[in-house]
Amino acid sequence: MKDLREFHRRDFIKATAGAAVALSPILARIAAAADAGIKIGVIGSGHVGSAIGKVWATAGHPVMFASRNLDHDKQLAAGIGANASAGTPAEAAAFGEVLLLAVPYGALPELGKALAPAIKGKVIIDACNPFPNRDGEIANRARDEGVGKVSSELLPGARIVRAFNAIGAADMGAAHEQPGKVGMPIVGEDKQAIEIASALILEVGYVPVLVGGLDRGRYLMPGTPLSGEHSPEEIRKIVAAL
């Protein structure tokens, strides 16, 4: 994992060199690949959350997994070992300096209300996709109004970056084995949140490609031109034609 972290550090420093704003403490620690890592709360420990969280824990970040099934999360954390723990969604939200949400979209209204005090001001990587057959009316609304806009309303005060939405979960846990080949389209409004999320996405093995603001979140879903695996350059060409 050391070579992988060296790759990410070089890429991240290159990407942020000459930035007009000073790095936040979190960004500085990622850029330095600090041994202590940053605390990450993963809420939703299905295929996406477990795969990404495992990579981050292996890279040295303390990761707390949470879902509606605490026993499952304890087993998951035990299987990962060092740096992995389990808790309730409220505990994970309080624990994480950065949060990954990978839950069914239909759970976001209730989750956003329950976690409102804990998520205010935090960077949230939103990996949730709306599927009407599964998630009901909120999914229809997200697809009609734009999933990025609706996510920001359901998670008030959070600094949202949508990512891990357009690529299938099957290979997410293995992307770090051949890093830098596949692009990861992302959207967001907060510059520093985008930089923090981008650094963590690099650690998973993907090259983050900013597609635009949250209004472009509608393109980060299965069935859109950006779905599936594309090189960073291919993503930029697709975005130019949207």
Protein backbone atom coordinates (compact mmCIF):
# COMPACT_ATOMS: atom_id res chain seq x y z
CA MET A 1 0.00 0.00 0.00
CA LYS A 2 2.97 2.34 0.51
CA ASP A 3 3.62 2.61 -3.26
CA LEU A 4 -0.07 3.35 -3.83
CA ARG A 5 0.00 6.12 -1.22
CA GLU A 6 3.12 7.58 -2.85
CA PHE A 7 1.23 7.63 -6.17
CA HIS A 8 -1.70 9.43 -4.59
CA ARG A 9 0.49 11.92 -2.75
CA ARG A 10 2.36 12.87 -5.93
CA ASP A 11 -0.87 13.24 -7.89
CA PHE A 12 -2.57 15.21 -5.14
CA ILE A 13 0.33 17.60 -4.61
CA LYS A 14 0.57 18.10 -8.38
CA ALA A 15 -3.16 18.78 -8.59
CA THR A 16 -3.17 21.30 -5.74
CA ALA A 17 0.17 23.01 -6.39
CA GLY A 18 -0.22 26.75 -6.67
CA ALA A 19 -3.73 26.77 -5.27
CA ALA A 20 -4.90 30.23 -4.25
CA VAL A 21 -6.27 29.05 -0.91
CA ALA A 22 -4.34 27.42 1.89
CA LEU A 23 -4.89 23.71 2.44
CA SER A 24 -7.27 22.84 5.25
CA PRO A 25 -5.87 20.66 8.05
CA ILE A 26 -7.60 17.65 6.49
CA LEU A 27 -6.17 18.39 3.03
CA ALA A 28 -2.71 18.92 4.45
CA ARG A 29 -2.82 15.55 6.17
CA ILE A 30 -3.97 13.77 3.02
CA ALA A 31 -1.31 15.50 0.94
CA ALA A 32 1.35 14.43 3.44
CA ALA A 33 -0.07 10.89 3.56
CA ALA A 34 0.06 11.15 7.35
CA ASP A 35 0.20 7.81 9.11
CA ALA A 36 -2.72 8.79 11.35
CA GLY A 37 -5.02 9.27 8.35
CA ILE A 38 -8.35 11.05 8.66
CA LYS A 39 -11.46 9.72 10.32
CA ILE A 40 -14.09 8.56 7.84
CA GLY A 41 -17.65 7.55 8.64
CA VAL A 42 -19.15 5.16 6.09
CA ILE A 43 -22.93 5.10 6.40
CA GLY A 44 -24.28 2.29 4.30
CA SER A 45 -22.13 -0.83 4.34
CA GLY A 46 -23.43 -2.60 1.25
CA HIS A 47 -21.33 -3.37 -1.82
CA VAL A 48 -20.25 0.24 -2.42
CA GLY A 49 -19.65 1.36 1.16
CA SER A 50 -17.85 -1.81 2.24
CA ALA A 51 -15.56 -1.89 -0.83
CA ILE A 52 -14.52 1.76 -0.63
CA GLY A 53 -14.27 1.80 3.15
CA LYS A 54 -12.01 -1.25 3.14
CA VAL A 55 -9.58 0.45 0.75
CA TRP A 56 -9.46 3.57 2.92
CA ALA A 57 -8.91 1.55 6.09
CA THR A 58 -6.13 -0.42 4.42
CA ALA A 59 -4.56 2.87 3.34
CA GLY A 60 -4.37 3.94 6.99
CA HIS A 61 -7.56 5.92 7.60
CA PRO A 62 -9.68 5.11 10.67
CA VAL A 63 -13.03 4.05 9.20
CA MET A 64 -16.29 3.47 11.07
CA PHE A 65 -18.95 1.45 9.23
CA ALA A 66 -22.62 1.97 10.00
CA SER A 67 -25.96 0.76 8.72
CA ARG A 68 -29.23 -0.54 10.14
CA ASN A 69 -27.49 -3.84 10.92
CA LEU A 70 -24.83 -3.28 13.56
CA ASP A 71 -23.97 -6.98 13.80
CA HIS A 72 -23.17 -7.02 10.07
CA ASP A 73 -20.99 -3.95 10.47
CA LYS A 74 -19.10 -5.49 13.38
CA GLN A 75 -18.38 -8.57 11.28
CA LEU A 76 -17.27 -6.39 8.37
CA ALA A 77 -14.93 -4.35 10.59
CA ALA A 78 -13.50 -7.48 12.19
CA GLY A 79 -12.76 -8.93 8.75
CA ILE A 80 -10.92 -5.78 7.69
CA GLY A 81 -8.99 -5.55 10.92
CA ALA A 82 -6.80 -2.56 11.69
CA ASN A 83 -8.41 0.90 11.36
CA ALA A 84 -11.94 -0.49 10.94
CA SER A 85 -14.73 -0.21 13.51
CA ALA A 86 -18.52 -0.30 13.58
CA GLY A 87 -21.19 1.91 15.10
CA THR A 88 -24.62 3.35 14.59
CA PRO A 89 -25.22 5.94 11.84
CA ALA A 90 -25.26 8.66 14.53
CA GLU A 91 -21.93 7.44 15.90
CA ALA A 92 -20.38 7.25 12.44
CA ALA A 93 -21.59 10.77 11.62
CA ALA A 94 -20.04 12.11 14.81
CA PHE A 95 -16.84 10.09 14.30
CA GLY A 96 -16.06 11.04 10.71
CA GLU A 97 -14.25 14.15 9.61
CA VAL A 98 -15.48 13.07 6.18
CA LEU A 99 -18.57 10.94 5.56
CA LEU A 100 -19.43 8.56 2.73
CA LEU A 101 -23.15 7.99 2.29
CA ALA A 102 -23.95 4.85 0.33
CA VAL A 103 -27.53 4.11 1.34
CA PRO A 104 -30.72 3.66 -0.70
CA TYR A 105 -31.88 7.12 -1.75
CA GLY A 106 -35.19 6.54 -0.01
CA ALA A 107 -33.36 6.55 3.33
CA LEU A 108 -31.94 10.06 2.87
CA PRO A 109 -34.94 12.11 4.10
CA GLU A 110 -35.03 10.31 7.46
CA LEU A 111 -31.25 10.09 7.71
CA GLY A 112 -30.78 13.77 6.94
CA LYS A 113 -33.18 14.77 9.72
CA ALA A 114 -31.69 12.38 12.26
CA LEU A 115 -28.10 13.40 11.57
CA ALA A 116 -28.63 17.12 10.89
CA PRO A 117 -26.56 18.46 13.82
CA ALA A 118 -23.68 16.05 13.17
CA ILE A 119 -23.36 16.60 9.41
CA LYS A 120 -23.49 20.39 9.39
CA GLY A 121 -20.29 21.72 7.86
CA LYS A 122 -18.88 18.26 7.11
CA VAL A 123 -17.75 16.98 3.75
CA ILE A 124 -20.15 14.30 2.54
CA ILE A 125 -19.36 12.10 -0.42
CA ASP A 126 -22.82 11.23 -1.70
CA ALA A 127 -22.83 7.87 -3.48
CA CYS A 128 -26.62 7.42 -3.31
CA ASN A 129 -28.62 6.89 -6.49
CA PRO A 130 -32.41 7.33 -6.79
CA PHE A 131 -34.35 4.36 -8.18
CA PRO A 132 -38.14 4.90 -8.20
CA ASN A 133 -39.00 1.20 -7.95
CA ARG A 134 -36.96 0.94 -4.76
CA ASP A 135 -37.00 4.43 -3.27
CA GLY A 136 -40.46 5.72 -4.07
CA GLU A 137 -41.53 9.31 -4.62
CA ILE A 138 -38.29 10.91 -3.38
CA ALA A 139 -36.49 9.16 -6.23
CA ASN A 140 -38.93 10.59 -8.77
CA ARG A 141 -38.40 14.03 -7.32
CA ALA A 142 -34.61 13.65 -7.43
CA ARG A 143 -34.72 12.59 -11.05
CA ASP A 144 -37.08 15.41 -12.00
CA GLU A 145 -35.41 18.23 -10.08
CA GLY A 146 -31.83 16.94 -10.20
CA VAL A 147 -30.33 14.55 -7.71
CA GLY A 148 -27.58 16.95 -6.64
CA LYS A 149 -30.08 19.68 -5.77
CA VAL A 150 -32.35 17.32 -3.85
CA SER A 151 -29.45 15.72 -1.96
CA SER A 152 -28.32 19.16 -0.80
CA GLU A 153 -31.83 19.85 0.51
CA LEU A 154 -32.05 16.49 2.30
CA LEU A 155 -28.61 16.95 3.89
CA PRO A 156 -28.79 20.58 5.05
CA GLY A 157 -25.54 22.29 5.91
CA ALA A 158 -23.35 19.50 4.54
CA ARG A 159 -20.63 20.16 1.97
CA ILE A 160 -21.71 17.65 -0.65
CA VAL A 161 -19.67 16.06 -3.41
CA ARG A 162 -21.42 13.42 -5.47
CA ALA A 163 -19.14 10.56 -6.51
CA PHE A 164 -19.11 6.77 -6.96
CA ASN A 165 -22.52 7.08 -8.63
CA ALA A 166 -21.82 6.25 -12.27
CA ILE A 167 -19.58 3.19 -11.88
CA GLY A 168 -20.75 -0.25 -10.80
CA ALA A 169 -19.78 -1.50 -7.37
CA ALA A 170 -18.26 -4.79 -8.53
CA ASP A 171 -14.75 -3.45 -9.23
CA MET A 172 -14.55 -0.55 -6.79
CA GLY A 173 -12.56 -2.50 -4.24
CA ALA A 174 -9.94 -3.48 -6.81
CA ALA A 175 -9.37 -0.18 -8.63
CA HIS A 176 -6.44 0.67 -6.33
CA GLU A 177 -4.52 -2.31 -7.74
CA GLN A 178 -4.11 -0.46 -11.05
CA PRO A 179 -4.58 3.18 -10.04
CA GLY A 180 -4.95 6.09 -12.39
CA LYS A 181 -6.58 4.34 -15.36
CA VAL A 182 -10.28 4.96 -14.78
CA GLY A 183 -11.84 8.35 -14.26
CA MET A 184 -14.42 9.12 -11.58
CA PRO A 185 -16.90 11.86 -12.54
CA ILE A 186 -17.79 14.07 -9.58
CA VAL A 187 -19.89 17.17 -8.98
CA GLY A 188 -19.88 19.73 -6.20
CA GLU A 189 -20.00 23.41 -5.28
CA ASP A 190 -17.54 23.72 -2.38
CA LYS A 191 -13.96 23.97 -3.67
CA GLN A 192 -12.32 22.62 -0.55
CA ALA A 193 -14.82 19.77 -0.24
CA ILE A 194 -14.08 18.85 -3.86
CA GLU A 195 -10.35 18.80 -3.13
CA ILE A 196 -10.81 16.63 -0.04
CA ALA A 197 -13.09 14.19 -1.85
CA SER A 198 -10.73 14.11 -4.83
CA ALA A 199 -7.78 13.16 -2.64
CA LEU A 200 -9.75 10.29 -1.13
CA ILE A 201 -11.00 9.17 -4.55
CA LEU A 202 -7.39 8.97 -5.71
CA GLU A 203 -6.72 6.63 -2.82
CA VAL A 204 -9.43 4.28 -4.08
CA GLY A 205 -7.58 4.19 -7.42
CA TYR A 206 -9.71 6.49 -9.58
CA VAL A 207 -8.84 9.82 -11.17
CA PRO A 208 -11.49 12.36 -10.12
CA VAL A 209 -12.90 14.47 -12.96
CA LEU A 210 -15.01 17.46 -11.97
CA VAL A 211 -18.09 17.54 -14.19
CA GLY A 212 -19.58 20.71 -12.73
CA GLY A 213 -21.82 21.90 -9.92
CA LEU A 214 -24.49 19.89 -8.15
CA ASP A 215 -26.95 20.72 -10.92
CA ARG A 216 -25.01 18.26 -13.09
CA GLY A 217 -25.54 15.48 -10.59
CA ARG A 218 -28.35 14.21 -12.82
CA TYR A 219 -25.67 12.80 -15.15
CA LEU A 220 -23.94 10.80 -12.42
CA MET A 221 -26.30 7.85 -12.45
CA PRO A 222 -26.62 4.50 -14.22
CA GLY A 223 -28.13 4.83 -17.67
CA THR A 224 -26.57 8.22 -18.46
CA PRO A 225 -23.71 8.84 -20.93
CA LEU A 226 -21.27 9.01 -17.99
CA SER A 227 -22.21 5.63 -16.55
CA GLY A 228 -19.67 2.83 -16.72
CA GLU A 229 -15.89 2.97 -16.78
CA HIS A 230 -14.20 5.66 -18.88
CA SER A 231 -10.75 7.16 -18.96
CA PRO A 232 -10.44 10.71 -17.60
CA GLU A 233 -10.10 12.05 -21.14
CA GLU A 234 -13.18 10.13 -22.31
CA ILE A 235 -15.16 11.63 -19.42
CA ARG A 236 -14.11 15.14 -20.44
CA LYS A 237 -15.22 14.48 -24.03
CA ILE A 238 -18.60 13.14 -22.87
CA VAL A 239 -19.11 16.15 -20.61
CA ALA A 240 -18.30 18.55 -23.44
CA ALA A 241 -21.12 17.02 -25.46
CA LEU A 242 -23.77 17.07 -22.72
